[in-house]
Amino acid sequence: MPQTNGDMAAKVKLKCEDPPTVTLHKSGDVTIIGSEKEQSVVVSSSVLRHTSQVWRAMFNDRWTESTSTEIRLPDDNADTMRVVL
């Protein structure tokens, strides 16, 4: 009896891979990681400082992010973050 697509699909184990890292700046010094997809985006903190007051404040000496090379934004949607960045 021939196998159906359902039978074949049941035998195939789907492999979930991490999404590839997106590099927005080749000399980036910070990796921002978005939420559910764990999407990594390499950015330049210097460039981001010039784009908004929020980024400027985040990379100010008073905040932990100013010395981090990796910043997790667990509440932010990864697809939206790519658009914003």
Protein backbone atom coordinates (compact mmCIF):
# COMPACT_ATOMS: atom_id res chain seq x y z
CA MET A 1 0.00 0.00 0.00
CA PRO A 2 1.50 3.42 -0.96
CA GLN A 3 2.37 5.91 1.76
CA THR A 4 0.31 9.07 2.04
CA ASN A 5 1.72 12.51 2.68
CA GLY A 6 0.46 12.26 6.26
CA ASP A 7 2.40 9.01 6.79
CA MET A 8 5.58 10.54 5.39
CA ALA A 9 5.18 13.72 7.44
CA ALA A 10 4.80 11.67 10.61
CA LYS A 11 8.19 10.06 9.91
CA VAL A 12 9.96 13.35 9.30
CA LYS A 13 11.20 15.13 12.39
CA LEU A 14 11.06 18.86 11.82
CA LYS A 15 14.18 20.66 12.95
CA CYS A 16 13.80 24.11 14.48
CA GLU A 17 16.85 26.23 13.88
CA ASP A 18 17.78 29.55 15.37
CA PRO A 19 17.11 32.40 12.97
CA PRO A 20 20.28 33.78 11.38
CA THR A 21 21.97 36.79 12.92
CA VAL A 22 21.22 40.00 11.04
CA THR A 23 24.17 42.40 10.84
CA LEU A 24 23.12 46.01 10.34
CA HIS A 25 26.57 47.45 10.95
CA LYS A 26 29.75 45.57 10.05
CA SER A 27 31.56 47.20 12.99
CA GLY A 28 28.63 46.69 15.34
CA ASP A 29 29.45 46.51 19.03
CA VAL A 30 26.09 45.39 20.41
CA THR A 31 23.81 42.45 19.65
CA ILE A 32 20.13 43.07 20.31
CA ILE A 33 18.05 39.94 20.78
CA GLY A 34 14.31 40.10 20.15
CA SER A 35 11.74 38.00 21.96
CA GLU A 36 10.03 34.82 20.89
CA LYS A 37 12.15 34.13 17.81
CA GLU A 38 15.41 34.95 19.59
CA GLN A 39 16.43 36.98 16.54
CA SER A 40 19.89 38.51 16.94
CA VAL A 41 20.67 41.84 15.31
CA VAL A 42 24.18 43.30 15.39
CA VAL A 43 24.09 47.09 15.61
CA SER A 44 26.32 50.03 16.37
CA SER A 45 25.51 51.67 19.70
CA SER A 46 27.11 54.85 18.40
CA VAL A 47 24.75 55.00 15.43
CA LEU A 48 21.69 54.18 17.56
CA ARG A 49 22.58 56.96 20.03
CA HIS A 50 22.09 59.46 17.21
CA THR A 51 18.71 58.10 16.14
CA SER A 52 16.61 58.59 19.26
CA GLN A 53 16.59 59.83 22.83
CA VAL A 54 15.60 56.35 24.03
CA TRP A 55 18.71 54.72 22.53
CA ARG A 56 20.84 57.64 23.73
CA ALA A 57 19.58 57.11 27.30
CA MET A 58 20.01 53.34 27.08
CA PHE A 59 23.66 53.63 26.07
CA ASN A 60 24.36 56.31 28.69
CA ASP A 61 26.88 55.40 31.41
CA ARG A 62 24.15 55.12 34.06
CA TRP A 63 22.48 52.11 32.44
CA THR A 64 23.65 48.48 32.38
CA GLU A 65 23.19 48.40 28.60
CA SER A 66 25.95 50.95 28.16
CA THR A 67 28.58 48.29 28.92
CA SER A 68 26.76 45.20 27.61
CA THR A 69 27.60 43.58 24.30
CA GLU A 70 24.27 41.75 24.29
CA ILE A 71 20.90 43.28 25.07
CA ARG A 72 17.79 41.13 25.41
CA LEU A 73 14.42 42.72 24.76
CA PRO A 74 12.10 39.88 25.81
CA ASP A 75 8.91 41.92 25.57
CA ASP A 76 9.58 43.17 22.05
CA ASN A 77 8.55 41.37 18.90
CA ALA A 78 11.61 40.37 16.86
CA ASP A 79 10.00 41.28 13.51
CA THR A 80 9.03 44.72 14.80
CA MET A 81 12.53 45.29 16.20
CA ARG A 82 14.08 44.59 12.80
CA VAL A 83 11.84 47.28 11.30
CA VAL A 84 12.68 49.78 14.06
CA LEU A 85 16.41 49.13 13.82
